[in-house]
Amino acid sequence: MAAARLRHALVLNPNLDDARTWLSAELRELGLTAEARELLEEVVERDPAYPPAFNNLIQTYAGSGDFDKGDALINRVERIVGDTPVVSQAWGIQALVQGQLARSVRKTKVAYDNNPAATIAKQWFGFVLLDIGDFAAASSAGNMSQQILAHGALGNIKAADELLERLELENGHRFLEWNNAAYYLVNAGRYGELVDLVERHFGDHEGLLQQQSSDGYWGTGYYGPLAYAYLQKGADSVFRSLTEEMGKALADQRAAGIDNRFLWYSQAEYAALTGDVDKVLEQMRRAVASGYVSTYAFSTPIFDSIRQDSRFQEVEQQVLKRVDEERAELGMEPYRPFTAAD
């Protein structure tokens, strides 16, 4: 309905850049990624410094692996408006998706420091803080779902659980919130709690998928950990249903030309869930080649069935080695996960 109304508004006045940008967002949620991208490119062609379209198009280029186009657009805008916080954030997004965590920290921090209350600034700054392992900073700077992961990584389980109780999981598009809640609970082995969370908010997994589906750009997020949680609870039919939906969503993204670290990480999870060891390793390597650098590496229990394989360990060590290289650029010590003894 919203998309139809926005299309009608553009028929009446084709120069409504805000309506064109809103329509792009609606189409993206409907999986119409090519048309969504074209709309943003039309807006930016007329007004490259229009922040909503500029921000969304940078994320679109990053999601598709079109970093040359992203760089060209940022340079164009920077020549017009200068090195603003919006421009810095764009550079930070480009850097993060390519695994350049130190550069991303520096750039996204500019946008965050300029307006710590801005949702998008908190999200991207929080994202890179988690990846580089600055959990103390992420526990306050990130959005609420990122703070949950940060507190969990620091062993502050009470604080993480209190935030989880307050987390908005229903109204609006809450895909990121579900992603982070799912990984927090599954990584802690709290499978039943994740299943209960889904059923409390949406009745069953189908209700969740209908209301909070993948956005078509950044892999499948919570689908993998949720499928694994149902598997651990013995709900084989739900597990099969979720992995089937996961496979379809990933195929749709590949067909749409999506090419980023998140997609290939989700592909690796899907291969692990469906028992294809060779494909797990292939997709892990593809994720690393696409810029996957994160302290989380492949630590989720989804990969437990292959964890003792030396080939798996070799790829995971590549990720953690890159993390330490990025940390060193910021003067940080090598990464060491929190333990109960800390």
C-alpha atoms as a PDB file:
ATOM      1  CA  MET A   1       0.000   0.000   0.000  1.00  0.00           C
ATOM      2  CA  ALA A   2       2.753   2.462   0.935  1.00  0.00           C
ATOM      3  CA  ALA A   3       4.630   1.717  -2.293  1.00  0.00           C
ATOM      4  CA  ALA A   4       1.477   2.283  -4.371  1.00  0.00           C
ATOM      5  CA  ARG A   5       0.825   5.652  -2.731  1.00  0.00           C
ATOM      6  CA  LEU A   6       4.417   6.753  -3.279  1.00  0.00           C
ATOM      7  CA  ARG A   7       4.291   5.698  -6.923  1.00  0.00           C
ATOM      8  CA  HIS A   8       1.128   7.764  -7.336  1.00  0.00           C
ATOM      9  CA  ALA A   9       2.788  10.786  -5.723  1.00  0.00           C
ATOM     10  CA  LEU A  10       5.670  10.515  -8.188  1.00  0.00           C
ATOM     11  CA  VAL A  11       3.249  10.386 -11.117  1.00  0.00           C
ATOM     12  CA  LEU A  12       1.795  13.684  -9.892  1.00  0.00           C
ATOM     13  CA  ASN A  13       5.229  15.202  -9.251  1.00  0.00           C
ATOM     14  CA  PRO A  14       8.279  13.307 -10.557  1.00  0.00           C
ATOM     15  CA  ASN A  15      10.660  15.685  -8.752  1.00  0.00           C
ATOM     16  CA  LEU A  16       9.775  14.597  -5.209  1.00  0.00           C
ATOM     17  CA  ASP A  17      13.173  13.303  -4.116  1.00  0.00           C
ATOM     18  CA  ASP A  18      11.973  12.417  -0.638  1.00  0.00           C
ATOM     19  CA  ALA A  19       9.121  10.306  -2.063  1.00  0.00           C
ATOM     20  CA  ARG A  20      11.526   8.601  -4.466  1.00  0.00           C
ATOM     21  CA  THR A  21      13.877   7.794  -1.572  1.00  0.00           C
ATOM     22  CA  TRP A  22      11.030   6.459   0.588  1.00  0.00           C
ATOM     23  CA  LEU A  23       9.764   4.350  -2.307  1.00  0.00           C
ATOM     24  CA  SER A  24      13.252   2.913  -2.731  1.00  0.00           C
ATOM     25  CA  ALA A  25      13.230   1.821   0.914  1.00  0.00           C
ATOM     26  CA  GLU A  26       9.790   0.212   0.524  1.00  0.00           C
ATOM     27  CA  LEU A  27      10.865  -1.662  -2.609  1.00  0.00           C
ATOM     28  CA  ARG A  28      14.033  -2.853  -0.925  1.00  0.00           C
ATOM     29  CA  GLU A  29      11.974  -4.440   1.863  1.00  0.00           C
ATOM     30  CA  LEU A  30       9.849  -6.112  -0.833  1.00  0.00           C
ATOM     31  CA  GLY A  31      13.006  -7.586  -2.373  1.00  0.00           C
ATOM     32  CA  LEU A  32      12.892  -5.373  -5.480  1.00  0.00           C
ATOM     33  CA  THR A  33      16.531  -4.413  -5.095  1.00  0.00           C
ATOM     34  CA  ALA A  34      17.263  -3.433  -8.705  1.00  0.00           C
ATOM     35  CA  GLU A  35      14.397  -0.932  -8.888  1.00  0.00           C
ATOM     36  CA  ALA A  36      15.224   0.373  -5.410  1.00  0.00           C
ATOM     37  CA  ARG A  37      18.798   1.070  -6.510  1.00  0.00           C
ATOM     38  CA  GLU A  38      17.681   2.790  -9.733  1.00  0.00           C
ATOM     39  CA  LEU A  39      15.457   5.176  -7.766  1.00  0.00           C
ATOM     40  CA  LEU A  40      18.317   6.200  -5.508  1.00  0.00           C
ATOM     41  CA  GLU A  41      20.626   6.709  -8.463  1.00  0.00           C
ATOM     42  CA  GLU A  42      18.023   8.989 -10.074  1.00  0.00           C
ATOM     43  CA  VAL A  43      17.855  11.143  -6.939  1.00  0.00           C
ATOM     44  CA  VAL A  44      21.627  11.317  -6.508  1.00  0.00           C
ATOM     45  CA  GLU A  45      22.141  12.174 -10.170  1.00  0.00           C
ATOM     46  CA  ARG A  46      20.085  15.338  -9.607  1.00  0.00           C
ATOM     47  CA  ASP A  47      21.291  16.085  -6.110  1.00  0.00           C
ATOM     48  CA  PRO A  48      24.319  14.040  -5.020  1.00  0.00           C
ATOM     49  CA  ALA A  49      24.423  15.728  -1.608  1.00  0.00           C
ATOM     50  CA  TYR A  50      20.827  14.828  -0.628  1.00  0.00           C
ATOM     51  CA  PRO A  51      21.711  12.930   2.587  1.00  0.00           C
ATOM     52  CA  PRO A  52      18.994  10.220   2.748  1.00  0.00           C
ATOM     53  CA  ALA A  53      19.511   9.068  -0.841  1.00  0.00           C
ATOM     54  CA  PHE A  54      23.295   9.421  -0.590  1.00  0.00           C
ATOM     55  CA  ASN A  55      23.463   7.328   2.587  1.00  0.00           C
ATOM     56  CA  ASN A  56      21.161   4.630   1.231  1.00  0.00           C
ATOM     57  CA  LEU A  57      22.960   4.425  -2.107  1.00  0.00           C
ATOM     58  CA  ILE A  58      26.351   4.067  -0.407  1.00  0.00           C
ATOM     59  CA  GLN A  59      24.954   1.135   1.577  1.00  0.00           C
ATOM     60  CA  THR A  60      23.482  -0.307  -1.618  1.00  0.00           C
ATOM     61  CA  TYR A  61      26.819  -0.091  -3.441  1.00  0.00           C
ATOM     62  CA  ALA A  62      28.604  -1.641  -0.461  1.00  0.00           C
ATOM     63  CA  GLY A  63      26.057  -4.464  -0.315  1.00  0.00           C
ATOM     64  CA  SER A  64      26.575  -5.208  -3.991  1.00  0.00           C
ATOM     65  CA  GLY A  65      30.359  -5.027  -3.747  1.00  0.00           C
ATOM     66  CA  ASP A  66      30.395  -1.991  -6.066  1.00  0.00           C
ATOM     67  CA  PHE A  67      33.080  -0.213  -4.084  1.00  0.00           C
ATOM     68  CA  ASP A  68      34.423   1.706  -7.071  1.00  0.00           C
ATOM     69  CA  LYS A  69      30.998   3.285  -7.586  1.00  0.00           C
ATOM     70  CA  GLY A  70      30.766   4.019  -3.879  1.00  0.00           C
ATOM     71  CA  ASP A  71      34.196   5.658  -3.828  1.00  0.00           C
ATOM     72  CA  ALA A  72      33.336   7.758  -6.894  1.00  0.00           C
ATOM     73  CA  LEU A  73      30.074   8.946  -5.343  1.00  0.00           C
ATOM     74  CA  ILE A  74      31.687   9.844  -2.004  1.00  0.00           C
ATOM     75  CA  ASN A  75      34.471  11.744  -3.763  1.00  0.00           C
ATOM     76  CA  ARG A  76      31.873  13.612  -5.819  1.00  0.00           C
ATOM     77  CA  VAL A  77      29.880  14.605  -2.752  1.00  0.00           C
ATOM     78  CA  GLU A  78      33.011  15.490  -0.784  1.00  0.00           C
ATOM     79  CA  ARG A  79      34.016  17.936  -3.516  1.00  0.00           C
ATOM     80  CA  ILE A  80      30.623  19.634  -3.131  1.00  0.00           C
ATOM     81  CA  VAL A  81      30.101  19.692   0.639  1.00  0.00           C
ATOM     82  CA  GLY A  82      33.556  19.010   2.095  1.00  0.00           C
ATOM     83  CA  ASP A  83      34.588  16.405   4.657  1.00  0.00           C
ATOM     84  CA  THR A  84      31.326  16.424   6.625  1.00  0.00           C
ATOM     85  CA  PRO A  85      30.218  13.808   9.196  1.00  0.00           C
ATOM     86  CA  VAL A  86      27.893  12.341   6.550  1.00  0.00           C
ATOM     87  CA  VAL A  87      30.828  11.923   4.174  1.00  0.00           C
ATOM     88  CA  SER A  88      32.987  10.422   6.935  1.00  0.00           C
ATOM     89  CA  GLN A  89      30.261   7.915   7.755  1.00  0.00           C
ATOM     90  CA  ALA A  90      30.054   6.895   4.105  1.00  0.00           C
ATOM     91  CA  TRP A  91      33.808   6.255   4.032  1.00  0.00           C
ATOM     92  CA  GLY A  92      33.394   4.290   7.260  1.00  0.00           C
ATOM     93  CA  ILE A  93      30.697   2.056   5.764  1.00  0.00           C
ATOM     94  CA  GLN A  94      32.811   1.362   2.694  1.00  0.00           C
ATOM     95  CA  ALA A  95      35.763   0.490   4.921  1.00  0.00           C
ATOM     96  CA  LEU A  96      33.790  -1.764   7.270  1.00  0.00           C
ATOM     97  CA  VAL A  97      32.291  -3.901   4.526  1.00  0.00           C
ATOM     98  CA  GLN A  98      35.774  -4.371   3.026  1.00  0.00           C
ATOM     99  CA  GLY A  99      37.286  -5.380   6.371  1.00  0.00           C
ATOM    100  CA  GLN A 100      39.239  -2.166   6.921  1.00  0.00           C
ATOM    101  CA  LEU A 101      38.173  -1.940  10.549  1.00  0.00           C
ATOM    102  CA  ALA A 102      40.685   0.638  11.816  1.00  0.00           C
ATOM    103  CA  ARG A 103      39.758   3.102   9.081  1.00  0.00           C
ATOM    104  CA  SER A 104      36.084   2.400   9.688  1.00  0.00           C
ATOM    105  CA  VAL A 105      36.423   3.111  13.419  1.00  0.00           C
ATOM    106  CA  ARG A 106      38.037   6.472  12.698  1.00  0.00           C
ATOM    107  CA  LYS A 107      35.468   7.485  10.085  1.00  0.00           C
ATOM    108  CA  THR A 108      32.271   6.262  11.760  1.00  0.00           C
ATOM    109  CA  LYS A 109      33.385   7.842  15.042  1.00  0.00           C
ATOM    110  CA  VAL A 110      33.321  11.266  13.348  1.00  0.00           C
ATOM    111  CA  ALA A 111      29.634  10.804  12.500  1.00  0.00           C
ATOM    112  CA  TYR A 112      28.866   9.371  15.940  1.00  0.00           C
ATOM    113  CA  ASP A 113      30.648  12.166  17.803  1.00  0.00           C
ATOM    114  CA  ASN A 114      28.779  14.718  15.706  1.00  0.00           C
ATOM    115  CA  ASN A 115      25.394  13.284  16.741  1.00  0.00           C
ATOM    116  CA  PRO A 116      25.510  10.356  19.204  1.00  0.00           C
ATOM    117  CA  ALA A 117      21.709  10.114  19.172  1.00  0.00           C
ATOM    118  CA  ALA A 118      21.472   9.527  15.414  1.00  0.00           C
ATOM    119  CA  THR A 119      20.233   5.989  14.783  1.00  0.00           C
ATOM    120  CA  ILE A 120      22.335   5.338  11.689  1.00  0.00           C
ATOM    121  CA  ALA A 121      25.483   6.775  13.295  1.00  0.00           C
ATOM    122  CA  LYS A 122      25.045   4.553  16.367  1.00  0.00           C
ATOM    123  CA  GLN A 123      24.398   1.508  14.212  1.00  0.00           C
ATOM    124  CA  TRP A 124      27.500   1.721  12.035  1.00  0.00           C
ATOM    125  CA  PHE A 125      29.830   2.822  14.826  1.00  0.00           C
ATOM    126  CA  GLY A 126      28.488   0.071  17.065  1.00  0.00           C
ATOM    127  CA  PHE A 127      28.903  -2.461  14.280  1.00  0.00           C
ATOM    128  CA  VAL A 128      32.610  -1.805  13.772  1.00  0.00           C
ATOM    129  CA  LEU A 129      33.282  -1.610  17.517  1.00  0.00           C
ATOM    130  CA  LEU A 130      31.874  -5.130  17.874  1.00  0.00           C
ATOM    131  CA  ASP A 131      33.881  -6.411  14.926  1.00  0.00           C
ATOM    132  CA  ILE A 132      37.159  -5.001  16.225  1.00  0.00           C
ATOM    133  CA  GLY A 133      36.419  -6.154  19.754  1.00  0.00           C
ATOM    134  CA  ASP A 134      36.073  -2.847  21.595  1.00  0.00           C
ATOM    135  CA  PHE A 135      33.171  -4.194  23.602  1.00  0.00           C
ATOM    136  CA  ALA A 136      33.467  -1.632  26.397  1.00  0.00           C
ATOM    137  CA  ALA A 137      32.881   1.186  23.909  1.00  0.00           C
ATOM    138  CA  ALA A 138      30.141  -0.746  22.074  1.00  0.00           C
ATOM    139  CA  SER A 139      28.287  -1.340  25.341  1.00  0.00           C
ATOM    140  CA  SER A 140      27.443   2.355  25.451  1.00  0.00           C
ATOM    141  CA  ALA A 141      27.902   3.681  21.898  1.00  0.00           C
ATOM    142  CA  GLY A 142      26.035   1.018  19.927  1.00  0.00           C
ATOM    143  CA  ASN A 143      22.293   0.691  19.573  1.00  0.00           C
ATOM    144  CA  MET A 144      20.478  -1.378  22.176  1.00  0.00           C
ATOM    145  CA  SER A 145      20.776  -4.717  20.378  1.00  0.00           C
ATOM    146  CA  GLN A 146      24.499  -4.124  19.827  1.00  0.00           C
ATOM    147  CA  GLN A 147      24.887  -3.247  23.502  1.00  0.00           C
ATOM    148  CA  ILE A 148      23.394  -6.656  24.301  1.00  0.00           C
ATOM    149  CA  LEU A 149      26.128  -8.385  22.283  1.00  0.00           C
ATOM    150  CA  ALA A 150      28.798  -6.176  23.837  1.00  0.00           C
ATOM    151  CA  HIS A 151      27.691  -6.905  27.402  1.00  0.00           C
ATOM    152  CA  GLY A 152      27.482 -10.607  26.543  1.00  0.00           C
ATOM    153  CA  ALA A 153      31.049 -10.559  25.213  1.00  0.00           C
ATOM    154  CA  LEU A 154      32.207  -8.873  28.438  1.00  0.00           C
ATOM    155  CA  GLY A 155      30.421 -11.420  30.609  1.00  0.00           C
ATOM    156  CA  ASN A 156      27.901  -8.838  31.862  1.00  0.00           C
ATOM    157  CA  ILE A 157      24.997 -11.238  31.440  1.00  0.00           C
ATOM    158  CA  LYS A 158      22.646  -9.449  33.827  1.00  0.00           C
ATOM    159  CA  ALA A 159      23.061  -6.167  31.947  1.00  0.00           C
ATOM    160  CA  ALA A 160      22.611  -7.927  28.585  1.00  0.00           C
ATOM    161  CA  ASP A 161      19.458  -9.715  29.757  1.00  0.00           C
ATOM    162  CA  GLU A 162      17.961  -6.513  31.133  1.00  0.00           C
ATOM    163  CA  LEU A 163      18.449  -4.842  27.755  1.00  0.00           C
ATOM    164  CA  LEU A 164      16.984  -7.857  25.974  1.00  0.00           C
ATOM    165  CA  GLU A 165      13.824  -7.516  28.061  1.00  0.00           C
ATOM    166  CA  ARG A 166      13.501  -3.896  26.903  1.00  0.00           C
ATOM    167  CA  LEU A 167      14.386  -4.484  23.261  1.00  0.00           C
ATOM    168  CA  GLU A 168      11.706  -3.501  20.731  1.00  0.00           C
ATOM    169  CA  LEU A 169      11.171  -6.561  18.542  1.00  0.00           C
ATOM    170  CA  GLU A 170       7.790  -6.009  16.915  1.00  0.00           C
ATOM    171  CA  ASN A 171       6.983  -2.507  15.696  1.00  0.00           C
ATOM    172  CA  GLY A 172       8.630  -1.456  12.438  1.00  0.00           C
ATOM    173  CA  HIS A 173      11.511  -3.183  10.690  1.00  0.00           C
ATOM    174  CA  ARG A 174      13.439  -4.953  13.467  1.00  0.00           C
ATOM    175  CA  PHE A 175      15.619  -7.295  11.445  1.00  0.00           C
ATOM    176  CA  LEU A 176      18.849  -6.069  13.069  1.00  0.00           C
ATOM    177  CA  GLU A 177      17.370  -6.420  16.552  1.00  0.00           C
ATOM    178  CA  TRP A 178      16.332 -10.011  15.858  1.00  0.00           C
ATOM    179  CA  ASN A 179      19.760 -10.778  14.403  1.00  0.00           C
ATOM    180  CA  ASN A 180      21.599  -9.613  17.491  1.00  0.00           C
ATOM    181  CA  ALA A 181      19.130 -11.135  19.955  1.00  0.00           C
ATOM    182  CA  ALA A 182      19.357 -14.487  18.151  1.00  0.00           C
ATOM    183  CA  TYR A 183      23.154 -14.588  18.122  1.00  0.00           C
ATOM    184  CA  TYR A 184      23.346 -13.479  21.751  1.00  0.00           C
ATOM    185  CA  LEU A 185      21.117 -16.329  22.922  1.00  0.00           C
ATOM    186  CA  VAL A 186      22.424 -19.045  20.587  1.00  0.00           C
ATOM    187  CA  ASN A 187      26.071 -18.241  21.279  1.00  0.00           C
ATOM    188  CA  ALA A 188      25.240 -18.692  24.984  1.00  0.00           C
ATOM    189  CA  GLY A 189      23.495 -22.019  24.341  1.00  0.00           C
ATOM    190  CA  ARG A 190      20.126 -20.582  25.390  1.00  0.00           C
ATOM    191  CA  TYR A 191      18.172 -22.174  22.554  1.00  0.00           C
ATOM    192  CA  GLY A 192      14.872 -22.546  24.353  1.00  0.00           C
ATOM    193  CA  GLU A 193      14.867 -18.876  25.296  1.00  0.00           C
ATOM    194  CA  LEU A 194      15.223 -17.841  21.651  1.00  0.00           C
ATOM    195  CA  VAL A 195      12.353 -20.124  20.623  1.00  0.00           C
ATOM    196  CA  ASP A 196      10.240 -18.734  23.477  1.00  0.00           C
ATOM    197  CA  LEU A 197      11.091 -15.174  22.392  1.00  0.00           C
ATOM    198  CA  VAL A 198       9.859 -15.861  18.862  1.00  0.00           C
ATOM    199  CA  GLU A 199       6.667 -17.518  20.028  1.00  0.00           C
ATOM    200  CA  ARG A 200       5.945 -14.804  22.585  1.00  0.00           C
ATOM    201  CA  HIS A 201       6.170 -12.047  19.987  1.00  0.00           C
ATOM    202  CA  PHE A 202       4.917 -13.705  16.797  1.00  0.00           C
ATOM    203  CA  GLY A 203       3.297 -17.007  17.725  1.00  0.00           C
ATOM    204  CA  ASP A 204       5.667 -19.085  15.603  1.00  0.00           C
ATOM    205  CA  HIS A 205       8.614 -18.834  13.221  1.00  0.00           C
ATOM    206  CA  GLU A 206       6.338 -18.207  10.240  1.00  0.00           C
ATOM    207  CA  GLY A 207       4.909 -15.102  11.901  1.00  0.00           C
ATOM    208  CA  LEU A 208       8.426 -13.816  12.518  1.00  0.00           C
ATOM    209  CA  LEU A 209       9.540 -14.477   8.936  1.00  0.00           C
ATOM    210  CA  GLN A 210       6.461 -12.718   7.598  1.00  0.00           C
ATOM    211  CA  GLN A 211       6.966  -9.592   9.699  1.00  0.00           C
ATOM    212  CA  GLN A 212      10.781  -9.438   9.947  1.00  0.00           C
ATOM    213  CA  SER A 213      12.198 -10.895   6.756  1.00  0.00           C
ATOM    214  CA  SER A 214      15.694 -10.427   5.372  1.00  0.00           C
ATOM    215  CA  ASP A 215      16.150  -7.021   3.740  1.00  0.00           C
ATOM    216  CA  GLY A 216      17.667  -8.560   0.634  1.00  0.00           C
ATOM    217  CA  TYR A 217      21.183  -7.126   0.979  1.00  0.00           C
ATOM    218  CA  TRP A 218      23.069  -8.367   4.018  1.00  0.00           C
ATOM    219  CA  GLY A 219      22.643 -12.126   4.171  1.00  0.00           C
ATOM    220  CA  THR A 220      19.973 -13.788   6.270  1.00  0.00           C
ATOM    221  CA  GLY A 221      20.904 -12.699   9.782  1.00  0.00           C
ATOM    222  CA  TYR A 222      18.840 -14.473  12.405  1.00  0.00           C
ATOM    223  CA  TYR A 223      17.606 -17.263  10.088  1.00  0.00           C
ATOM    224  CA  GLY A 224      20.687 -19.401  10.760  1.00  0.00           C
ATOM    225  CA  PRO A 225      20.846 -19.165  14.562  1.00  0.00           C
ATOM    226  CA  LEU A 226      17.078 -19.538  14.829  1.00  0.00           C
ATOM    227  CA  ALA A 227      17.112 -22.684  12.686  1.00  0.00           C
ATOM    228  CA  TYR A 228      19.905 -24.055  14.854  1.00  0.00           C
ATOM    229  CA  ALA A 229      17.938 -23.252  18.033  1.00  0.00           C
ATOM    230  CA  TYR A 230      14.884 -25.159  16.786  1.00  0.00           C
ATOM    231  CA  LEU A 231      17.143 -28.056  15.782  1.00  0.00           C
ATOM    232  CA  GLN A 232      18.579 -28.205  19.303  1.00  0.00           C
ATOM    233  CA  LYS A 233      15.028 -28.272  20.673  1.00  0.00           C
ATOM    234  CA  GLY A 234      14.170 -31.263  18.473  1.00  0.00           C
ATOM    235  CA  ALA A 235      11.761 -29.322  16.233  1.00  0.00           C
ATOM    236  CA  ASP A 236      12.995 -30.924  13.020  1.00  0.00           C
ATOM    237  CA  SER A 237      10.105 -29.751  10.826  1.00  0.00           C
ATOM    238  CA  VAL A 238      10.603 -26.123  11.857  1.00  0.00           C
ATOM    239  CA  PHE A 239      14.341 -26.491  11.305  1.00  0.00           C
ATOM    240  CA  ARG A 240      13.712 -27.760   7.766  1.00  0.00           C
ATOM    241  CA  SER A 241      11.247 -24.936   7.105  1.00  0.00           C
ATOM    242  CA  LEU A 242      13.711 -22.283   8.258  1.00  0.00           C
ATOM    243  CA  THR A 243      16.650 -23.682   6.304  1.00  0.00           C
ATOM    244  CA  GLU A 244      14.449 -23.855   3.206  1.00  0.00           C
ATOM    245  CA  GLU A 245      13.499 -20.181   3.624  1.00  0.00           C
ATOM    246  CA  MET A 246      17.138 -19.344   4.274  1.00  0.00           C
ATOM    247  CA  GLY A 247      18.209 -21.053   1.068  1.00  0.00           C
ATOM    248  CA  LYS A 248      15.571 -19.195  -0.943  1.00  0.00           C
ATOM    249  CA  ALA A 249      16.531 -15.821   0.527  1.00  0.00           C
ATOM    250  CA  LEU A 250      20.211 -16.390  -0.204  1.00  0.00           C
ATOM    251  CA  ALA A 251      19.461 -17.484  -3.766  1.00  0.00           C
ATOM    252  CA  ASP A 252      17.391 -14.333  -4.281  1.00  0.00           C
ATOM    253  CA  GLN A 253      20.267 -12.169  -3.044  1.00  0.00           C
ATOM    254  CA  ARG A 254      22.787 -13.859  -5.315  1.00  0.00           C
ATOM    255  CA  ALA A 255      20.414 -13.457  -8.260  1.00  0.00           C
ATOM    256  CA  ALA A 256      20.094  -9.748  -7.433  1.00  0.00           C
ATOM    257  CA  GLY A 257      23.874  -9.314  -7.655  1.00  0.00           C
ATOM    258  CA  ILE A 258      24.496  -9.007  -3.915  1.00  0.00           C
ATOM    259  CA  ASP A 259      28.138  -9.680  -3.061  1.00  0.00           C
ATOM    260  CA  ASN A 260      29.344  -8.896   0.455  1.00  0.00           C
ATOM    261  CA  ARG A 261      30.847 -10.507   3.527  1.00  0.00           C
ATOM    262  CA  PHE A 262      27.441 -10.888   5.198  1.00  0.00           C
ATOM    263  CA  LEU A 263      25.970 -12.850   2.306  1.00  0.00           C
ATOM    264  CA  TRP A 264      28.892 -15.273   2.167  1.00  0.00           C
ATOM    265  CA  TYR A 265      28.948 -15.686   5.941  1.00  0.00           C
ATOM    266  CA  SER A 266      25.245 -16.611   5.807  1.00  0.00           C
ATOM    267  CA  GLN A 267      26.044 -18.998   2.957  1.00  0.00           C
ATOM    268  CA  ALA A 268      28.624 -20.684   5.187  1.00  0.00           C
ATOM    269  CA  GLU A 269      26.033 -21.044   7.956  1.00  0.00           C
ATOM    270  CA  TYR A 270      23.531 -22.493   5.509  1.00  0.00           C
ATOM    271  CA  ALA A 271      26.087 -25.056   4.323  1.00  0.00           C
ATOM    272  CA  ALA A 272      26.849 -26.009   7.936  1.00  0.00           C
ATOM    273  CA  LEU A 273      23.152 -26.381   8.747  1.00  0.00           C
ATOM    274  CA  THR A 274      22.591 -28.582   5.698  1.00  0.00           C
ATOM    275  CA  GLY A 275      25.701 -30.694   6.321  1.00  0.00           C
ATOM    276  CA  ASP A 276      27.830 -29.759   3.306  1.00  0.00           C
ATOM    277  CA  VAL A 277      31.350 -29.549   4.761  1.00  0.00           C
ATOM    278  CA  ASP A 278      33.127 -28.693   1.515  1.00  0.00           C
ATOM    279  CA  LYS A 279      30.642 -25.915   0.842  1.00  0.00           C
ATOM    280  CA  VAL A 280      31.130 -24.569   4.386  1.00  0.00           C
ATOM    281  CA  LEU A 281      34.846 -24.166   3.751  1.00  0.00           C
ATOM    282  CA  GLU A 282      34.278 -22.678   0.294  1.00  0.00           C
ATOM    283  CA  GLN A 283      31.838 -20.076   1.622  1.00  0.00           C
ATOM    284  CA  MET A 284      34.026 -19.266   4.636  1.00  0.00           C
ATOM    285  CA  ARG A 285      36.885 -18.511   2.269  1.00  0.00           C
ATOM    286  CA  ARG A 286      34.553 -16.447   0.097  1.00  0.00           C
ATOM    287  CA  ALA A 287      33.470 -14.445   3.154  1.00  0.00           C
ATOM    288  CA  VAL A 288      37.079 -13.757   4.130  1.00  0.00           C
ATOM    289  CA  ALA A 289      37.965 -12.758   0.566  1.00  0.00           C
ATOM    290  CA  SER A 290      34.977 -10.375   0.621  1.00  0.00           C
ATOM    291  CA  GLY A 291      36.224  -8.562   3.721  1.00  0.00           C
ATOM    292  CA  TYR A 292      34.979 -10.610   6.661  1.00  0.00           C
ATOM    293  CA  VAL A 293      37.106  -9.437   9.591  1.00  0.00           C
ATOM    294  CA  SER A 294      35.511  -9.824  13.017  1.00  0.00           C
ATOM    295  CA  THR A 295      36.346 -10.967  16.521  1.00  0.00           C
ATOM    296  CA  TYR A 296      33.311 -13.259  16.251  1.00  0.00           C
ATOM    297  CA  ALA A 297      35.035 -15.125  13.381  1.00  0.00           C
ATOM    298  CA  PHE A 298      33.089 -18.406  13.048  1.00  0.00           C
ATOM    299  CA  SER A 299      32.535 -18.960  16.764  1.00  0.00           C
ATOM    300  CA  THR A 300      28.776 -19.556  16.655  1.00  0.00           C
ATOM    301  CA  PRO A 301      27.828 -23.161  17.576  1.00  0.00           C
ATOM    302  CA  ILE A 302      26.308 -23.521  14.100  1.00  0.00           C
ATOM    303  CA  PHE A 303      29.849 -24.466  13.033  1.00  0.00           C
ATOM    304  CA  ASP A 304      30.519 -26.904  15.900  1.00  0.00           C
ATOM    305  CA  SER A 305      30.195 -29.951  13.641  1.00  0.00           C
ATOM    306  CA  ILE A 306      33.242 -28.838  11.633  1.00  0.00           C
ATOM    307  CA  ARG A 307      35.180 -26.975  14.316  1.00  0.00           C
ATOM    308  CA  GLN A 308      37.853 -29.647  14.759  1.00  0.00           C
ATOM    309  CA  ASP A 309      38.627 -29.746  11.039  1.00  0.00           C
ATOM    310  CA  SER A 310      42.095 -28.267  10.477  1.00  0.00           C
ATOM    311  CA  ARG A 311      40.886 -26.536   7.313  1.00  0.00           C
ATOM    312  CA  PHE A 312      38.175 -24.750   9.307  1.00  0.00           C
ATOM    313  CA  GLN A 313      40.692 -23.719  11.954  1.00  0.00           C
ATOM    314  CA  GLU A 314      43.046 -22.349   9.299  1.00  0.00           C
ATOM    315  CA  VAL A 315      40.373 -20.046   7.844  1.00  0.00           C
ATOM    316  CA  GLU A 316      39.223 -18.901  11.265  1.00  0.00           C
ATOM    317  CA  GLN A 317      42.792 -18.038  12.228  1.00  0.00           C
ATOM    318  CA  GLN A 318      43.079 -15.933   9.087  1.00  0.00           C
ATOM    319  CA  VAL A 319      40.113 -13.873  10.291  1.00  0.00           C
ATOM    320  CA  LEU A 320      41.524 -13.409  13.787  1.00  0.00           C
ATOM    321  CA  LYS A 321      44.965 -12.518  12.411  1.00  0.00           C
ATOM    322  CA  ARG A 322      43.346  -9.759  10.358  1.00  0.00           C
ATOM    323  CA  VAL A 323      41.484  -8.557  13.457  1.00  0.00           C
ATOM    324  CA  ASP A 324      44.772  -8.153  15.320  1.00  0.00           C
ATOM    325  CA  GLU A 325      46.301  -6.286  12.389  1.00  0.00           C
ATOM    326  CA  GLU A 326      43.418  -3.831  12.431  1.00  0.00           C
ATOM    327  CA  ARG A 327      43.581  -3.491  16.225  1.00  0.00           C
ATOM    328  CA  ALA A 328      47.301  -2.764  16.005  1.00  0.00           C
ATOM    329  CA  GLU A 329      46.585   0.198  13.701  1.00  0.00           C
ATOM    330  CA  LEU A 330      44.580   1.723  16.546  1.00  0.00           C
ATOM    331  CA  GLY A 331      47.178   0.920  19.190  1.00  0.00           C
ATOM    332  CA  MET A 332      45.058  -1.900  20.665  1.00  0.00           C
ATOM    333  CA  GLU A 333      46.412  -5.119  22.142  1.00  0.00           C
ATOM    334  CA  PRO A 334      45.820  -8.415  20.290  1.00  0.00           C
ATOM    335  CA  TYR A 335      42.284  -9.693  20.750  1.00  0.00           C
ATOM    336  CA  ARG A 336      41.626 -12.056  23.640  1.00  0.00           C
ATOM    337  CA  PRO A 337      38.072 -13.261  24.317  1.00  0.00           C
ATOM    338  CA  PHE A 338      36.604 -12.690  27.750  1.00  0.00           C
ATOM    339  CA  THR A 339      36.809 -15.682  30.072  1.00  0.00           C
ATOM    340  CA  ALA A 340      35.231 -16.361  33.435  1.00  0.00           C
ATOM    341  CA  ALA A 341      38.625 -15.773  35.033  1.00  0.00           C
ATOM    342  CA  ASP A 342      38.776 -12.136  33.807  1.00  0.00           C
END
